[in-house]
Amino acid sequence: MSRKAAGIRSSAAPTLVDVARVAGVSPITVSRALGRPEVVTDATRKRVLEAVRATGYVPNLAAGSLASSRSRLVAIFLPTIANSIFADTVQALTARLAAAGYQTLLGLTGYSPEQEEALLEAVLGRRPDGIVLTGTEHTQASRERLARVGIPLVEAWDLSEHPVDMLVGFSHEAVGQAVARYLIGKGYRRVSVVGIDDPRGMRRYRSLVAALQGHVTAPVASRILPAPATLAVGREGLARLLQENAAGDVVVCSSDTVAQGVMAEALSRGLRIPEDLAVMGFGDLSSAAHTHPPLSTVRVDGPRIGCAIAEALLARFAEPAAARQPLRLDVGFELVERSSA
């Protein structure tokens, strides 16, 4: 339906009253459908949204949030979108929030607590209803600010004994230990690492090295390169290890993307995987099962993390009085054995 057919003057900005007229409902119903969709029926909300599209109406969400004390906005901070390791989590999280009438705002921290602090400063002025942070490492200023504002917060993809609020993730130290046990069981005695300098990856690395003590014939050689994780990082890391004759029997990588770069470099040099060099990843990306050979890795249930974050936030939104109820959900991980290691 065109604006002319809806009886709206083309020179005038459409109003909420115009939307109500086209939808055949009251203005208050339009306001509720846009600001509090959970209190109207699906059929009514559909009619209102169709009228919004037909009229070209742009809701004043800022004014609505002032009146209702709700912005219906959730801020999600990620270290990077350069690879897809967080994609399943974000997809599940945003889909569940959207179904409940919430929109999301994405911010990139670049693995920097200081950049996270700057983003928080900018986002808090918009009064989001909830915040999702990747990891548990924040500046002291960020922790103090978040504690004062009292906005529901979920830290994700990590575990901590002292979360700021709610927590959904897994232990990176446990991942490192599990990978070490796996490598020892497979008989690998010369281990190397190629990774990036992200804090959670470094904790997996340190845990791996500690668990390998007494089980390897040489110190663990490592090449840690600047983030983000790319195929080029994997290729460069392995090239450096090979140049120094330090690659050993197996290369453990901080992500599947880096691991695939390592595999590409190895194959380009005529090395057989795993006969000449085994490779281990992390993340179980959708491509991991389809490399040649298929990549052994660590699977994290990203969709489960995303859904759990969304449900935790929605429960807090519905019952703010439950704010003192601690949530510390460990979703665990799974070691996936394929042909590369």
C-alpha atoms as a PDB file:
ATOM      1  CA  MET A   1       0.000   0.000   0.000  1.00  0.00           C
ATOM      2  CA  SER A   2       1.396   3.407  -0.962  1.00  0.00           C
ATOM      3  CA  ARG A   3       1.339   6.408   1.367  1.00  0.00           C
ATOM      4  CA  LYS A   4      -1.123   8.079  -1.009  1.00  0.00           C
ATOM      5  CA  ALA A   5      -3.438   5.070  -0.848  1.00  0.00           C
ATOM      6  CA  ALA A   6      -3.166   5.165   2.934  1.00  0.00           C
ATOM      7  CA  GLY A   7      -4.397   8.772   2.907  1.00  0.00           C
ATOM      8  CA  ILE A   8      -1.141  10.337   4.069  1.00  0.00           C
ATOM      9  CA  ARG A   9       0.162  13.566   2.567  1.00  0.00           C
ATOM     10  CA  SER A  10       3.480  12.893   0.817  1.00  0.00           C
ATOM     11  CA  SER A  11       4.997  16.128   2.170  1.00  0.00           C
ATOM     12  CA  ALA A  12       4.273  15.294   5.796  1.00  0.00           C
ATOM     13  CA  ALA A  13       6.278  12.927   7.956  1.00  0.00           C
ATOM     14  CA  PRO A  14       4.053   9.994   8.902  1.00  0.00           C
ATOM     15  CA  THR A  15       2.976   9.849  12.527  1.00  0.00           C
ATOM     16  CA  LEU A  16       1.973   7.164  14.966  1.00  0.00           C
ATOM     17  CA  VAL A  17      -1.656   8.206  14.383  1.00  0.00           C
ATOM     18  CA  ASP A  18      -1.195   7.528  10.662  1.00  0.00           C
ATOM     19  CA  VAL A  19       0.099   4.039  11.419  1.00  0.00           C
ATOM     20  CA  ALA A  20      -2.861   3.399  13.733  1.00  0.00           C
ATOM     21  CA  ARG A  21      -5.307   4.487  11.040  1.00  0.00           C
ATOM     22  CA  VAL A  22      -3.766   2.190   8.424  1.00  0.00           C
ATOM     23  CA  ALA A  23      -3.504  -0.757  10.830  1.00  0.00           C
ATOM     24  CA  GLY A  24      -7.049  -0.248  12.104  1.00  0.00           C
ATOM     25  CA  VAL A  25      -5.972  -0.107  15.740  1.00  0.00           C
ATOM     26  CA  SER A  26      -5.597   2.573  18.384  1.00  0.00           C
ATOM     27  CA  PRO A  27      -2.427   4.694  18.699  1.00  0.00           C
ATOM     28  CA  ILE A  28      -1.714   3.128  22.093  1.00  0.00           C
ATOM     29  CA  THR A  29      -1.810  -0.316  20.473  1.00  0.00           C
ATOM     30  CA  VAL A  30       0.730   0.841  17.898  1.00  0.00           C
ATOM     31  CA  SER A  31       2.933   2.163  20.701  1.00  0.00           C
ATOM     32  CA  ARG A  32       2.722  -1.137  22.549  1.00  0.00           C
ATOM     33  CA  ALA A  33       3.356  -3.218  19.422  1.00  0.00           C
ATOM     34  CA  LEU A  34       6.546  -1.264  18.736  1.00  0.00           C
ATOM     35  CA  GLY A  35       7.773  -0.763  22.281  1.00  0.00           C
ATOM     36  CA  ARG A  36       6.401  -3.772  24.178  1.00  0.00           C
ATOM     37  CA  PRO A  37       5.601  -6.455  21.572  1.00  0.00           C
ATOM     38  CA  GLU A  38       5.131  -9.124  24.223  1.00  0.00           C
ATOM     39  CA  VAL A  39       1.860  -7.508  25.381  1.00  0.00           C
ATOM     40  CA  VAL A  40       0.104  -7.669  21.983  1.00  0.00           C
ATOM     41  CA  THR A  41      -0.834 -10.639  19.844  1.00  0.00           C
ATOM     42  CA  ASP A  42       1.359 -11.770  16.976  1.00  0.00           C
ATOM     43  CA  ALA A  43      -1.428 -10.888  14.517  1.00  0.00           C
ATOM     44  CA  THR A  44      -1.704  -7.347  15.869  1.00  0.00           C
ATOM     45  CA  ARG A  45       2.033  -6.798  15.805  1.00  0.00           C
ATOM     46  CA  LYS A  46       2.136  -8.052  12.204  1.00  0.00           C
ATOM     47  CA  ARG A  47      -0.596  -5.586  11.179  1.00  0.00           C
ATOM     48  CA  VAL A  48       1.220  -2.733  12.873  1.00  0.00           C
ATOM     49  CA  LEU A  49       4.566  -3.601  11.245  1.00  0.00           C
ATOM     50  CA  GLU A  50       2.873  -3.802   7.843  1.00  0.00           C
ATOM     51  CA  ALA A  51       1.372  -0.355   8.463  1.00  0.00           C
ATOM     52  CA  VAL A  52       4.780   0.979   9.506  1.00  0.00           C
ATOM     53  CA  ARG A  53       6.259  -0.215   6.221  1.00  0.00           C
ATOM     54  CA  ALA A  54       3.321   1.137   4.210  1.00  0.00           C
ATOM     55  CA  THR A  55       3.487   4.583   5.776  1.00  0.00           C
ATOM     56  CA  GLY A  56       7.255   4.889   6.107  1.00  0.00           C
ATOM     57  CA  TYR A  57       6.856   5.742   9.773  1.00  0.00           C
ATOM     58  CA  VAL A  58      10.090   5.921  11.804  1.00  0.00           C
ATOM     59  CA  PRO A  59       9.458   5.253  15.521  1.00  0.00           C
ATOM     60  CA  ASN A  60      11.105   7.597  18.024  1.00  0.00           C
ATOM     61  CA  LEU A  61      12.645   4.819  20.070  1.00  0.00           C
ATOM     62  CA  ALA A  62      14.645   7.234  22.214  1.00  0.00           C
ATOM     63  CA  ALA A  63      11.458   8.939  23.388  1.00  0.00           C
ATOM     64  CA  GLY A  64       9.825   5.578  23.989  1.00  0.00           C
ATOM     65  CA  SER A  65      12.713   4.390  26.100  1.00  0.00           C
ATOM     66  CA  LEU A  66      12.517   7.512  28.257  1.00  0.00           C
ATOM     67  CA  ALA A  67       8.823   6.919  28.878  1.00  0.00           C
ATOM     68  CA  SER A  68       9.099   3.204  29.592  1.00  0.00           C
ATOM     69  CA  SER A  69      12.639   3.071  31.071  1.00  0.00           C
ATOM     70  CA  ARG A  70      13.347   0.413  28.438  1.00  0.00           C
ATOM     71  CA  SER A  71      15.522   0.850  25.365  1.00  0.00           C
ATOM     72  CA  ARG A  72      14.883  -2.719  24.119  1.00  0.00           C
ATOM     73  CA  LEU A  73      18.539  -2.694  23.111  1.00  0.00           C
ATOM     74  CA  VAL A  74      21.229  -5.208  24.068  1.00  0.00           C
ATOM     75  CA  ALA A  75      24.897  -4.355  23.448  1.00  0.00           C
ATOM     76  CA  ILE A  76      27.177  -7.235  22.436  1.00  0.00           C
ATOM     77  CA  PHE A  77      30.956  -6.787  22.545  1.00  0.00           C
ATOM     78  CA  LEU A  78      33.152  -9.162  20.514  1.00  0.00           C
ATOM     79  CA  PRO A  79      36.933  -9.197  20.116  1.00  0.00           C
ATOM     80  CA  THR A  80      36.728  -9.530  16.312  1.00  0.00           C
ATOM     81  CA  ILE A  81      34.591 -10.575  13.371  1.00  0.00           C
ATOM     82  CA  ALA A  82      37.641 -11.452  11.269  1.00  0.00           C
ATOM     83  CA  ASN A  83      36.771 -15.130  11.613  1.00  0.00           C
ATOM     84  CA  SER A  84      33.581 -16.978  12.440  1.00  0.00           C
ATOM     85  CA  ILE A  85      34.427 -18.533  15.799  1.00  0.00           C
ATOM     86  CA  PHE A  86      31.790 -16.407  17.551  1.00  0.00           C
ATOM     87  CA  ALA A  87      29.229 -16.534  14.726  1.00  0.00           C
ATOM     88  CA  ASP A  88      27.060 -19.363  16.094  1.00  0.00           C
ATOM     89  CA  THR A  89      26.859 -17.711  19.500  1.00  0.00           C
ATOM     90  CA  VAL A  90      25.875 -14.329  18.087  1.00  0.00           C
ATOM     91  CA  GLN A  91      23.362 -15.872  15.670  1.00  0.00           C
ATOM     92  CA  ALA A  92      21.558 -17.792  18.414  1.00  0.00           C
ATOM     93  CA  LEU A  93      21.690 -14.842  20.810  1.00  0.00           C
ATOM     94  CA  THR A  94      20.363 -12.236  18.394  1.00  0.00           C
ATOM     95  CA  ALA A  95      17.642 -14.533  17.041  1.00  0.00           C
ATOM     96  CA  ARG A  96      16.254 -15.252  20.511  1.00  0.00           C
ATOM     97  CA  LEU A  97      16.396 -11.598  21.550  1.00  0.00           C
ATOM     98  CA  ALA A  98      14.749 -10.474  18.305  1.00  0.00           C
ATOM     99  CA  ALA A  99      11.902 -12.924  18.885  1.00  0.00           C
ATOM    100  CA  ALA A 100      11.348 -11.214  22.238  1.00  0.00           C
ATOM    101  CA  GLY A 101      11.359  -7.744  20.676  1.00  0.00           C
ATOM    102  CA  TYR A 102      14.953  -6.715  21.436  1.00  0.00           C
ATOM    103  CA  GLN A 103      17.491  -5.337  18.998  1.00  0.00           C
ATOM    104  CA  THR A 104      21.249  -5.723  19.302  1.00  0.00           C
ATOM    105  CA  LEU A 105      24.193  -3.377  18.933  1.00  0.00           C
ATOM    106  CA  LEU A 106      27.570  -4.898  18.087  1.00  0.00           C
ATOM    107  CA  GLY A 107      30.888  -3.457  19.257  1.00  0.00           C
ATOM    108  CA  LEU A 108      34.408  -4.713  18.516  1.00  0.00           C
ATOM    109  CA  THR A 109      37.070  -4.575  21.226  1.00  0.00           C
ATOM    110  CA  GLY A 110      40.075  -5.871  19.292  1.00  0.00           C
ATOM    111  CA  TYR A 111      40.997  -8.029  22.331  1.00  0.00           C
ATOM    112  CA  SER A 112      41.745  -4.789  24.213  1.00  0.00           C
ATOM    113  CA  PRO A 113      40.260  -4.129  27.688  1.00  0.00           C
ATOM    114  CA  GLU A 114      40.949  -0.432  27.120  1.00  0.00           C
ATOM    115  CA  GLN A 115      38.970  -0.442  23.873  1.00  0.00           C
ATOM    116  CA  GLU A 116      36.196  -2.297  25.688  1.00  0.00           C
ATOM    117  CA  GLU A 117      36.194   0.450  28.333  1.00  0.00           C
ATOM    118  CA  ALA A 118      35.870   3.142  25.654  1.00  0.00           C
ATOM    119  CA  LEU A 119      32.989   1.282  23.993  1.00  0.00           C
ATOM    120  CA  LEU A 120      31.212   0.895  27.326  1.00  0.00           C
ATOM    121  CA  GLU A 121      31.507   4.619  27.910  1.00  0.00           C
ATOM    122  CA  ALA A 122      29.817   5.285  24.574  1.00  0.00           C
ATOM    123  CA  VAL A 123      27.151   2.585  24.854  1.00  0.00           C
ATOM    124  CA  LEU A 124      26.062   3.183  28.450  1.00  0.00           C
ATOM    125  CA  GLY A 125      24.800   6.618  27.453  1.00  0.00           C
ATOM    126  CA  ARG A 126      22.188   4.859  25.326  1.00  0.00           C
ATOM    127  CA  ARG A 127      20.971   2.946  28.390  1.00  0.00           C
ATOM    128  CA  PRO A 128      20.916  -0.566  26.916  1.00  0.00           C
ATOM    129  CA  ASP A 129      18.688  -3.015  28.751  1.00  0.00           C
ATOM    130  CA  GLY A 130      21.496  -5.575  28.769  1.00  0.00           C
ATOM    131  CA  ILE A 131      25.176  -6.008  27.942  1.00  0.00           C
ATOM    132  CA  VAL A 132      27.108  -9.070  26.744  1.00  0.00           C
ATOM    133  CA  LEU A 133      30.898  -9.069  27.076  1.00  0.00           C
ATOM    134  CA  THR A 134      33.256 -11.663  25.601  1.00  0.00           C
ATOM    135  CA  GLY A 135      35.607 -12.873  28.297  1.00  0.00           C
ATOM    136  CA  THR A 136      36.169 -11.884  31.900  1.00  0.00           C
ATOM    137  CA  GLU A 137      39.225  -9.636  31.598  1.00  0.00           C
ATOM    138  CA  HIS A 138      38.206  -5.985  31.975  1.00  0.00           C
ATOM    139  CA  THR A 139      39.811  -2.806  33.267  1.00  0.00           C
ATOM    140  CA  GLN A 140      39.127  -1.917  36.887  1.00  0.00           C
ATOM    141  CA  ALA A 141      37.307   1.195  35.679  1.00  0.00           C
ATOM    142  CA  SER A 142      34.966  -0.941  33.562  1.00  0.00           C
ATOM    143  CA  ARG A 143      34.210  -3.242  36.480  1.00  0.00           C
ATOM    144  CA  GLU A 144      33.423  -0.345  38.796  1.00  0.00           C
ATOM    145  CA  ARG A 145      31.261   1.404  36.206  1.00  0.00           C
ATOM    146  CA  LEU A 146      29.277  -1.750  35.426  1.00  0.00           C
ATOM    147  CA  ALA A 147      28.736  -2.467  39.105  1.00  0.00           C
ATOM    148  CA  ARG A 148      27.346   1.042  39.623  1.00  0.00           C
ATOM    149  CA  VAL A 149      24.934   1.184  36.675  1.00  0.00           C
ATOM    150  CA  GLY A 150      23.322  -2.141  37.554  1.00  0.00           C
ATOM    151  CA  ILE A 151      22.475  -3.091  33.950  1.00  0.00           C
ATOM    152  CA  PRO A 152      22.044  -6.869  33.509  1.00  0.00           C
ATOM    153  CA  LEU A 153      25.359  -8.195  32.214  1.00  0.00           C
ATOM    154  CA  VAL A 154      26.544 -11.561  30.915  1.00  0.00           C
ATOM    155  CA  GLU A 155      30.205 -12.408  30.469  1.00  0.00           C
ATOM    156  CA  ALA A 156      30.547 -15.109  27.805  1.00  0.00           C
ATOM    157  CA  TRP A 157      33.051 -17.630  26.459  1.00  0.00           C
ATOM    158  CA  ASP A 158      34.914 -17.821  29.750  1.00  0.00           C
ATOM    159  CA  LEU A 159      34.685 -18.774  33.409  1.00  0.00           C
ATOM    160  CA  SER A 160      35.742 -16.803  36.458  1.00  0.00           C
ATOM    161  CA  GLU A 161      35.478 -17.136  40.211  1.00  0.00           C
ATOM    162  CA  HIS A 162      34.474 -13.483  40.430  1.00  0.00           C
ATOM    163  CA  PRO A 163      32.064 -12.596  37.593  1.00  0.00           C
ATOM    164  CA  VAL A 164      30.716  -9.057  37.396  1.00  0.00           C
ATOM    165  CA  ASP A 165      27.149 -10.388  37.153  1.00  0.00           C
ATOM    166  CA  MET A 166      26.097 -13.445  35.122  1.00  0.00           C
ATOM    167  CA  LEU A 167      28.495 -15.833  33.395  1.00  0.00           C
ATOM    168  CA  VAL A 168      28.075 -18.380  30.561  1.00  0.00           C
ATOM    169  CA  GLY A 169      31.151 -20.114  29.199  1.00  0.00           C
ATOM    170  CA  PHE A 170      33.821 -22.745  29.734  1.00  0.00           C
ATOM    171  CA  SER A 171      37.290 -23.117  31.207  1.00  0.00           C
ATOM    172  CA  HIS A 172      40.156 -22.332  28.838  1.00  0.00           C
ATOM    173  CA  GLU A 173      42.560 -23.876  31.343  1.00  0.00           C
ATOM    174  CA  ALA A 174      40.572 -27.124  31.154  1.00  0.00           C
ATOM    175  CA  VAL A 175      40.813 -27.017  27.354  1.00  0.00           C
ATOM    176  CA  GLY A 176      44.592 -26.769  27.514  1.00  0.00           C
ATOM    177  CA  GLN A 177      44.767 -29.685  29.937  1.00  0.00           C
ATOM    178  CA  ALA A 178      42.442 -31.843  27.811  1.00  0.00           C
ATOM    179  CA  VAL A 179      44.472 -31.194  24.662  1.00  0.00           C
ATOM    180  CA  ALA A 180      47.669 -32.092  26.523  1.00  0.00           C
ATOM    181  CA  ARG A 181      46.184 -35.406  27.710  1.00  0.00           C
ATOM    182  CA  TYR A 182      45.062 -36.166  24.165  1.00  0.00           C
ATOM    183  CA  LEU A 183      48.492 -35.493  22.669  1.00  0.00           C
ATOM    184  CA  ILE A 184      50.247 -37.535  25.342  1.00  0.00           C
ATOM    185  CA  GLY A 185      47.848 -40.413  24.722  1.00  0.00           C
ATOM    186  CA  LYS A 186      48.567 -40.276  20.987  1.00  0.00           C
ATOM    187  CA  GLY A 187      52.297 -40.512  21.657  1.00  0.00           C
ATOM    188  CA  TYR A 188      53.371 -37.017  20.611  1.00  0.00           C
ATOM    189  CA  ARG A 189      56.531 -35.966  22.433  1.00  0.00           C
ATOM    190  CA  ARG A 190      57.615 -32.844  20.530  1.00  0.00           C
ATOM    191  CA  VAL A 191      54.897 -30.207  20.619  1.00  0.00           C
ATOM    192  CA  SER A 192      54.761 -26.694  19.202  1.00  0.00           C
ATOM    193  CA  VAL A 193      52.154 -23.930  19.242  1.00  0.00           C
ATOM    194  CA  VAL A 194      51.041 -21.304  16.715  1.00  0.00           C
ATOM    195  CA  GLY A 195      48.569 -18.753  17.988  1.00  0.00           C
ATOM    196  CA  ILE A 196      47.566 -15.137  18.413  1.00  0.00           C
ATOM    197  CA  ASP A 197      48.007 -12.909  21.433  1.00  0.00           C
ATOM    198  CA  ASP A 198      44.422 -12.990  22.684  1.00  0.00           C
ATOM    199  CA  PRO A 199      44.128 -13.456  26.468  1.00  0.00           C
ATOM    200  CA  ARG A 200      41.939 -16.575  26.412  1.00  0.00           C
ATOM    201  CA  GLY A 201      44.138 -18.290  23.818  1.00  0.00           C
ATOM    202  CA  MET A 202      47.202 -17.495  25.914  1.00  0.00           C
ATOM    203  CA  ARG A 203      45.585 -19.098  28.950  1.00  0.00           C
ATOM    204  CA  ARG A 204      44.933 -22.278  26.934  1.00  0.00           C
ATOM    205  CA  TYR A 205      48.554 -22.187  25.798  1.00  0.00           C
ATOM    206  CA  ARG A 206      49.962 -21.811  29.315  1.00  0.00           C
ATOM    207  CA  SER A 207      47.719 -24.580  30.611  1.00  0.00           C
ATOM    208  CA  LEU A 208      48.805 -26.865  27.750  1.00  0.00           C
ATOM    209  CA  VAL A 209      52.493 -26.252  28.437  1.00  0.00           C
ATOM    210  CA  ALA A 210      52.075 -26.885  32.170  1.00  0.00           C
ATOM    211  CA  ALA A 211      50.188 -30.151  31.581  1.00  0.00           C
ATOM    212  CA  LEU A 212      52.839 -31.388  29.126  1.00  0.00           C
ATOM    213  CA  GLN A 213      55.640 -31.009  31.672  1.00  0.00           C
ATOM    214  CA  GLY A 214      57.434 -34.322  32.088  1.00  0.00           C
ATOM    215  CA  HIS A 215      55.802 -35.838  29.007  1.00  0.00           C
ATOM    216  CA  VAL A 216      57.724 -34.117  26.199  1.00  0.00           C
ATOM    217  CA  THR A 217      61.306 -34.506  25.068  1.00  0.00           C
ATOM    218  CA  ALA A 218      61.878 -30.808  24.372  1.00  0.00           C
ATOM    219  CA  PRO A 219      60.408 -27.509  25.553  1.00  0.00           C
ATOM    220  CA  VAL A 220      57.240 -26.458  23.744  1.00  0.00           C
ATOM    221  CA  ALA A 221      58.191 -24.082  20.932  1.00  0.00           C
ATOM    222  CA  SER A 222      55.698 -21.334  20.190  1.00  0.00           C
ATOM    223  CA  ARG A 223      55.093 -18.573  17.688  1.00  0.00           C
ATOM    224  CA  ILE A 224      52.523 -16.088  18.992  1.00  0.00           C
ATOM    225  CA  LEU A 225      51.507 -13.456  16.437  1.00  0.00           C
ATOM    226  CA  PRO A 226      49.276 -10.369  16.640  1.00  0.00           C
ATOM    227  CA  ALA A 227      45.504 -10.812  16.392  1.00  0.00           C
ATOM    228  CA  PRO A 228      43.260 -11.392  14.535  1.00  0.00           C
ATOM    229  CA  ALA A 229      43.417 -15.080  13.665  1.00  0.00           C
ATOM    230  CA  THR A 230      43.892 -15.542   9.925  1.00  0.00           C
ATOM    231  CA  LEU A 231      45.195 -18.156   7.515  1.00  0.00           C
ATOM    232  CA  ALA A 232      48.236 -15.928   6.999  1.00  0.00           C
ATOM    233  CA  VAL A 233      49.025 -16.106  10.715  1.00  0.00           C
ATOM    234  CA  GLY A 234      49.029 -19.899  10.537  1.00  0.00           C
ATOM    235  CA  ARG A 235      51.257 -19.980   7.484  1.00  0.00           C
ATOM    236  CA  GLU A 236      53.720 -17.479   8.929  1.00  0.00           C
ATOM    237  CA  GLY A 237      53.812 -19.214  12.298  1.00  0.00           C
ATOM    238  CA  LEU A 238      54.625 -22.612  10.821  1.00  0.00           C
ATOM    239  CA  ALA A 239      57.185 -21.110   8.442  1.00  0.00           C
ATOM    240  CA  ARG A 240      59.033 -19.634  11.412  1.00  0.00           C
ATOM    241  CA  LEU A 241      58.923 -22.922  13.319  1.00  0.00           C
ATOM    242  CA  LEU A 242      60.214 -24.898  10.328  1.00  0.00           C
ATOM    243  CA  GLN A 243      62.966 -22.368   9.693  1.00  0.00           C
ATOM    244  CA  GLU A 244      64.223 -23.007  13.225  1.00  0.00           C
ATOM    245  CA  ASN A 245      63.555 -26.765  13.081  1.00  0.00           C
ATOM    246  CA  ALA A 246      61.138 -26.364  16.002  1.00  0.00           C
ATOM    247  CA  ALA A 247      57.815 -27.602  14.607  1.00  0.00           C
ATOM    248  CA  GLY A 248      58.147 -31.004  16.282  1.00  0.00           C
ATOM    249  CA  ASP A 249      55.593 -33.770  15.828  1.00  0.00           C
ATOM    250  CA  VAL A 250      52.423 -31.710  16.254  1.00  0.00           C
ATOM    251  CA  VAL A 251      51.388 -28.066  16.036  1.00  0.00           C
ATOM    252  CA  VAL A 252      48.612 -26.920  18.387  1.00  0.00           C
ATOM    253  CA  CYS A 253      46.797 -23.825  17.108  1.00  0.00           C
ATOM    254  CA  SER A 254      44.759 -21.182  18.912  1.00  0.00           C
ATOM    255  CA  SER A 255      41.910 -21.481  16.408  1.00  0.00           C
ATOM    256  CA  ASP A 256      40.757 -23.558  13.452  1.00  0.00           C
ATOM    257  CA  THR A 257      41.501 -20.629  11.134  1.00  0.00           C
ATOM    258  CA  VAL A 258      45.133 -20.564  12.245  1.00  0.00           C
ATOM    259  CA  ALA A 259      45.264 -24.367  12.019  1.00  0.00           C
ATOM    260  CA  GLN A 260      44.063 -24.280   8.421  1.00  0.00           C
ATOM    261  CA  GLY A 261      46.835 -21.801   7.635  1.00  0.00           C
ATOM    262  CA  VAL A 262      49.354 -24.166   9.217  1.00  0.00           C
ATOM    263  CA  MET A 263      48.000 -27.036   7.128  1.00  0.00           C
ATOM    264  CA  ALA A 264      48.201 -24.971   3.940  1.00  0.00           C
ATOM    265  CA  GLU A 265      51.842 -24.067   4.639  1.00  0.00           C
ATOM    266  CA  ALA A 266      52.727 -27.667   5.494  1.00  0.00           C
ATOM    267  CA  LEU A 267      51.142 -29.056   2.331  1.00  0.00           C
ATOM    268  CA  SER A 268      52.795 -26.370   0.189  1.00  0.00           C
ATOM    269  CA  ARG A 269      56.151 -27.666   1.459  1.00  0.00           C
ATOM    270  CA  GLY A 270      55.323 -31.286   0.651  1.00  0.00           C
ATOM    271  CA  LEU A 271      54.743 -32.315   4.271  1.00  0.00           C
ATOM    272  CA  ARG A 272      52.173 -35.041   4.914  1.00  0.00           C
ATOM    273  CA  ILE A 273      49.531 -34.513   7.603  1.00  0.00           C
ATOM    274  CA  PRO A 274      49.630 -36.170  10.099  1.00  0.00           C
ATOM    275  CA  GLU A 275      52.525 -38.460   9.097  1.00  0.00           C
ATOM    276  CA  ASP A 276      55.141 -35.688   8.953  1.00  0.00           C
ATOM    277  CA  LEU A 277      53.324 -33.078  11.012  1.00  0.00           C
ATOM    278  CA  ALA A 278      50.094 -33.341  12.985  1.00  0.00           C
ATOM    279  CA  VAL A 279      47.835 -30.292  13.466  1.00  0.00           C
ATOM    280  CA  MET A 280      45.296 -29.483  16.198  1.00  0.00           C
ATOM    281  CA  GLY A 281      42.773 -26.621  16.076  1.00  0.00           C
ATOM    282  CA  PHE A 282      40.238 -24.970  18.351  1.00  0.00           C
ATOM    283  CA  GLY A 283      36.621 -23.969  17.726  1.00  0.00           C
ATOM    284  CA  ASP A 284      35.338 -26.647  15.317  1.00  0.00           C
ATOM    285  CA  LEU A 285      34.330 -24.186  12.618  1.00  0.00           C
ATOM    286  CA  SER A 286      32.005 -25.470   9.908  1.00  0.00           C
ATOM    287  CA  SER A 287      35.015 -25.862   7.607  1.00  0.00           C
ATOM    288  CA  ALA A 288      37.026 -28.007  10.052  1.00  0.00           C
ATOM    289  CA  ALA A 289      35.445 -31.304   9.026  1.00  0.00           C
ATOM    290  CA  HIS A 290      36.051 -30.546   5.341  1.00  0.00           C
ATOM    291  CA  THR A 291      39.761 -29.734   5.236  1.00  0.00           C
ATOM    292  CA  HIS A 292      42.192 -32.279   3.783  1.00  0.00           C
ATOM    293  CA  PRO A 293      42.689 -34.134   6.010  1.00  0.00           C
ATOM    294  CA  PRO A 294      39.776 -33.266   8.340  1.00  0.00           C
ATOM    295  CA  LEU A 295      40.947 -31.156  11.276  1.00  0.00           C
ATOM    296  CA  SER A 296      41.124 -32.461  14.836  1.00  0.00           C
ATOM    297  CA  THR A 297      39.921 -29.697  17.124  1.00  0.00           C
ATOM    298  CA  VAL A 298      37.994 -28.647  20.235  1.00  0.00           C
ATOM    299  CA  ARG A 299      34.270 -28.052  19.838  1.00  0.00           C
ATOM    300  CA  VAL A 300      32.514 -25.339  21.810  1.00  0.00           C
ATOM    301  CA  ASP A 301      28.715 -25.288  21.681  1.00  0.00           C
ATOM    302  CA  GLY A 302      28.298 -21.731  20.427  1.00  0.00           C
ATOM    303  CA  PRO A 303      24.517 -21.913  19.867  1.00  0.00           C
ATOM    304  CA  ARG A 304      24.004 -23.190  23.412  1.00  0.00           C
ATOM    305  CA  ILE A 305      26.049 -20.299  24.783  1.00  0.00           C
ATOM    306  CA  GLY A 306      24.029 -17.799  22.739  1.00  0.00           C
ATOM    307  CA  CYS A 307      20.678 -19.235  23.810  1.00  0.00           C
ATOM    308  CA  ALA A 308      21.742 -19.400  27.457  1.00  0.00           C
ATOM    309  CA  ILE A 309      22.856 -15.755  27.390  1.00  0.00           C
ATOM    310  CA  ALA A 310      19.555 -14.666  25.856  1.00  0.00           C
ATOM    311  CA  GLU A 311      17.446 -16.623  28.343  1.00  0.00           C
ATOM    312  CA  ALA A 312      19.466 -15.265  31.267  1.00  0.00           C
ATOM    313  CA  LEU A 313      18.965 -11.683  30.092  1.00  0.00           C
ATOM    314  CA  LEU A 314      15.257 -12.134  29.336  1.00  0.00           C
ATOM    315  CA  ALA A 315      14.678 -13.684  32.757  1.00  0.00           C
ATOM    316  CA  ARG A 316      16.433 -10.727  34.407  1.00  0.00           C
ATOM    317  CA  PHE A 317      14.421  -8.251  32.323  1.00  0.00           C
ATOM    318  CA  ALA A 318      11.192  -9.962  33.394  1.00  0.00           C
ATOM    319  CA  GLU A 319      12.155 -10.152  37.077  1.00  0.00           C
ATOM    320  CA  PRO A 320      14.685  -7.454  38.025  1.00  0.00           C
ATOM    321  CA  ALA A 321      14.289  -8.520  41.655  1.00  0.00           C
ATOM    322  CA  ALA A 322      16.221 -11.671  40.769  1.00  0.00           C
ATOM    323  CA  ALA A 323      19.323  -9.563  40.176  1.00  0.00           C
ATOM    324  CA  ARG A 324      21.125 -11.024  43.169  1.00  0.00           C
ATOM    325  CA  GLN A 325      20.646 -14.582  41.981  1.00  0.00           C
ATOM    326  CA  PRO A 326      24.068 -15.664  40.676  1.00  0.00           C
ATOM    327  CA  LEU A 327      24.358 -17.474  37.350  1.00  0.00           C
ATOM    328  CA  ARG A 328      27.557 -19.314  36.546  1.00  0.00           C
ATOM    329  CA  LEU A 329      26.904 -21.767  33.706  1.00  0.00           C
ATOM    330  CA  ASP A 330      29.749 -23.982  32.482  1.00  0.00           C
ATOM    331  CA  VAL A 331      28.727 -25.347  29.062  1.00  0.00           C
ATOM    332  CA  GLY A 332      31.917 -27.397  28.743  1.00  0.00           C
ATOM    333  CA  PHE A 333      33.609 -28.412  25.483  1.00  0.00           C
ATOM    334  CA  GLU A 334      34.310 -31.528  23.430  1.00  0.00           C
ATOM    335  CA  LEU A 335      37.553 -32.749  21.918  1.00  0.00           C
ATOM    336  CA  VAL A 336      36.882 -33.829  18.312  1.00  0.00           C
ATOM    337  CA  GLU A 337      39.313 -36.401  16.903  1.00  0.00           C
ATOM    338  CA  ARG A 338      39.642 -36.405  13.141  1.00  0.00           C
ATOM    339  CA  SER A 339      42.550 -37.215  10.827  1.00  0.00           C
ATOM    340  CA  SER A 340      44.948 -34.290  11.275  1.00  0.00           C
ATOM    341  CA  ALA A 341      46.212 -35.289  14.739  1.00  0.00           C
END
